[in-house]
Amino acid sequence: MKKPILNLKKSLFTEELINGETINISSEGKAKNIPLAVWKMMLTKRDLYLYSKGLKINRHWKISDVKTYFGIKGRGIDKVLAQFMEIHNEVTTKMKI
């Protein structure tokens, strides 16, 4: 599989994305393999949206874990969400997900 060129800084997310581990997702009877890092990114998008509305996902969920995994810096959910969406948009447009 040819890897797309992404302009992301080094983080656990980019390491997992380059590693190439995939997960099988079935939808409407069709199976599709997507990178595990992209799957985690989709779930994190949901979690950050809920957190921005005042809902904590579970008692073990921390915003600092998200910041560490994606290499995001800054304080406040608005800044974190903006930086995350930049990463999300770049990955989804380059990988055509």
C-alpha atoms as a PDB file:
ATOM      1  CA  MET A   1       0.000   0.000   0.000  1.00  0.00           C
ATOM      2  CA  LYS A   2       1.391   3.371  -1.001  1.00  0.00           C
ATOM      3  CA  LYS A   3       1.656   5.783   1.934  1.00  0.00           C
ATOM      4  CA  PRO A   4       0.396   9.340   1.371  1.00  0.00           C
ATOM      5  CA  ILE A   5       2.716  12.200   2.225  1.00  0.00           C
ATOM      6  CA  LEU A   6       1.436  14.040   5.274  1.00  0.00           C
ATOM      7  CA  ASN A   7       2.852  17.211   6.781  1.00  0.00           C
ATOM      8  CA  LEU A   8       2.283  16.218  10.392  1.00  0.00           C
ATOM      9  CA  LYS A   9       4.739  16.577  13.241  1.00  0.00           C
ATOM     10  CA  LYS A  10       6.058  13.449  14.900  1.00  0.00           C
ATOM     11  CA  SER A  11       3.664  11.919  17.428  1.00  0.00           C
ATOM     12  CA  LEU A  12       2.311   8.544  18.480  1.00  0.00           C
ATOM     13  CA  PHE A  13      -0.462   9.032  15.917  1.00  0.00           C
ATOM     14  CA  THR A  14       1.935   9.480  12.999  1.00  0.00           C
ATOM     15  CA  GLU A  15       4.040   6.532  14.154  1.00  0.00           C
ATOM     16  CA  GLU A  16       0.962   4.278  14.198  1.00  0.00           C
ATOM     17  CA  LEU A  17      -0.155   5.645  10.841  1.00  0.00           C
ATOM     18  CA  ILE A  18       3.229   4.853   9.284  1.00  0.00           C
ATOM     19  CA  ASN A  19       3.337   1.459  11.029  1.00  0.00           C
ATOM     20  CA  GLY A  20       0.393   0.398   8.883  1.00  0.00           C
ATOM     21  CA  GLU A  21      -1.595  -1.755  11.316  1.00  0.00           C
ATOM     22  CA  THR A  22      -5.173  -2.052  10.024  1.00  0.00           C
ATOM     23  CA  ILE A  23      -8.593  -2.886  11.414  1.00  0.00           C
ATOM     24  CA  ASN A  24     -11.423  -4.526   9.472  1.00  0.00           C
ATOM     25  CA  ILE A  25     -14.639  -2.480   9.423  1.00  0.00           C
ATOM     26  CA  SER A  26     -17.864  -3.939   8.022  1.00  0.00           C
ATOM     27  CA  SER A  27     -20.588  -1.611   6.823  1.00  0.00           C
ATOM     28  CA  GLU A  28     -23.654  -2.598   4.820  1.00  0.00           C
ATOM     29  CA  GLY A  29     -22.167  -6.017   4.117  1.00  0.00           C
ATOM     30  CA  LYS A  30     -18.924  -4.587   2.735  1.00  0.00           C
ATOM     31  CA  ALA A  31     -15.653  -5.113   4.587  1.00  0.00           C
ATOM     32  CA  LYS A  32     -12.952  -2.470   4.472  1.00  0.00           C
ATOM     33  CA  ASN A  33      -9.517  -2.343   6.063  1.00  0.00           C
ATOM     34  CA  ILE A  34      -8.552   1.053   7.455  1.00  0.00           C
ATOM     35  CA  PRO A  35      -5.474   2.036   9.441  1.00  0.00           C
ATOM     36  CA  LEU A  36      -5.917   1.619  13.186  1.00  0.00           C
ATOM     37  CA  ALA A  37      -4.623   5.171  13.732  1.00  0.00           C
ATOM     38  CA  VAL A  38      -7.409   6.533  11.504  1.00  0.00           C
ATOM     39  CA  TRP A  39     -10.007   4.513  13.438  1.00  0.00           C
ATOM     40  CA  LYS A  40      -8.709   6.019  16.693  1.00  0.00           C
ATOM     41  CA  MET A  41      -8.850   9.464  15.072  1.00  0.00           C
ATOM     42  CA  MET A  42     -12.525   8.988  14.181  1.00  0.00           C
ATOM     43  CA  LEU A  43     -13.372   7.953  17.737  1.00  0.00           C
ATOM     44  CA  THR A  44     -11.379  10.869  19.132  1.00  0.00           C
ATOM     45  CA  LYS A  45     -13.313  13.287  16.934  1.00  0.00           C
ATOM     46  CA  ARG A  46     -16.524  12.021  18.520  1.00  0.00           C
ATOM     47  CA  ASP A  47     -15.026  12.200  22.011  1.00  0.00           C
ATOM     48  CA  LEU A  48     -13.698  15.741  21.582  1.00  0.00           C
ATOM     49  CA  TYR A  49     -17.037  16.942  20.244  1.00  0.00           C
ATOM     50  CA  LEU A  50     -18.853  15.502  23.262  1.00  0.00           C
ATOM     51  CA  TYR A  51     -16.214  16.917  25.627  1.00  0.00           C
ATOM     52  CA  SER A  52     -16.638  20.368  24.065  1.00  0.00           C
ATOM     53  CA  LYS A  53     -20.348  20.148  24.921  1.00  0.00           C
ATOM     54  CA  GLY A  54     -19.556  19.351  28.565  1.00  0.00           C
ATOM     55  CA  LEU A  55     -19.771  15.553  28.539  1.00  0.00           C
ATOM     56  CA  LYS A  56     -16.875  13.477  29.790  1.00  0.00           C
ATOM     57  CA  ILE A  57     -16.677  10.213  27.851  1.00  0.00           C
ATOM     58  CA  ASN A  58     -15.838   8.006  30.824  1.00  0.00           C
ATOM     59  CA  ARG A  59     -14.097   8.463  34.143  1.00  0.00           C
ATOM     60  CA  HIS A  60     -10.718   7.419  32.723  1.00  0.00           C
ATOM     61  CA  TRP A  61     -10.796   9.717  29.674  1.00  0.00           C
ATOM     62  CA  LYS A  62      -8.358  12.651  29.772  1.00  0.00           C
ATOM     63  CA  ILE A  63      -7.821  15.469  27.332  1.00  0.00           C
ATOM     64  CA  SER A  64      -4.086  15.258  28.069  1.00  0.00           C
ATOM     65  CA  ASP A  65      -4.011  11.730  26.600  1.00  0.00           C
ATOM     66  CA  VAL A  66      -5.495  13.072  23.355  1.00  0.00           C
ATOM     67  CA  LYS A  67      -2.976  15.917  23.269  1.00  0.00           C
ATOM     68  CA  THR A  68      -0.064  13.521  23.820  1.00  0.00           C
ATOM     69  CA  TYR A  69      -1.243  10.998  21.209  1.00  0.00           C
ATOM     70  CA  PHE A  70      -1.779  13.598  18.466  1.00  0.00           C
ATOM     71  CA  GLY A  71       1.082  15.944  19.449  1.00  0.00           C
ATOM     72  CA  ILE A  72      -1.251  18.835  20.205  1.00  0.00           C
ATOM     73  CA  LYS A  73      -0.190  21.723  22.414  1.00  0.00           C
ATOM     74  CA  GLY A  74      -2.249  24.403  24.085  1.00  0.00           C
ATOM     75  CA  ARG A  75      -4.936  24.887  26.686  1.00  0.00           C
ATOM     76  CA  GLY A  76      -8.671  25.002  26.338  1.00  0.00           C
ATOM     77  CA  ILE A  77     -10.943  22.702  24.423  1.00  0.00           C
ATOM     78  CA  ASP A  78     -11.432  25.213  21.604  1.00  0.00           C
ATOM     79  CA  LYS A  79      -7.704  25.347  20.800  1.00  0.00           C
ATOM     80  CA  VAL A  80      -7.301  21.585  21.122  1.00  0.00           C
ATOM     81  CA  LEU A  81     -10.344  20.922  18.934  1.00  0.00           C
ATOM     82  CA  ALA A  82      -9.100  23.377  16.272  1.00  0.00           C
ATOM     83  CA  GLN A  83      -5.659  21.737  16.135  1.00  0.00           C
ATOM     84  CA  PHE A  84      -7.213  18.273  16.070  1.00  0.00           C
ATOM     85  CA  MET A  85      -9.501  19.234  13.180  1.00  0.00           C
ATOM     86  CA  GLU A  86      -6.476  20.458  11.203  1.00  0.00           C
ATOM     87  CA  ILE A  87      -4.899  17.031  11.640  1.00  0.00           C
ATOM     88  CA  HIS A  88      -8.194  15.291  10.848  1.00  0.00           C
ATOM     89  CA  ASN A  89      -8.780  17.312   7.680  1.00  0.00           C
ATOM     90  CA  GLU A  90      -5.250  16.742   6.412  1.00  0.00           C
ATOM     91  CA  VAL A  91      -5.386  12.991   6.991  1.00  0.00           C
ATOM     92  CA  THR A  92      -8.849  12.525   5.499  1.00  0.00           C
ATOM     93  CA  THR A  93      -8.132  14.592   2.387  1.00  0.00           C
ATOM     94  CA  LYS A  94      -4.734  12.988   1.696  1.00  0.00           C
ATOM     95  CA  MET A  95      -5.947   9.442   2.371  1.00  0.00           C
ATOM     96  CA  LYS A  96      -9.380   9.999   0.758  1.00  0.00           C
ATOM     97  CA  ILE A  97     -11.333   8.519   3.630  1.00  0.00           C
END
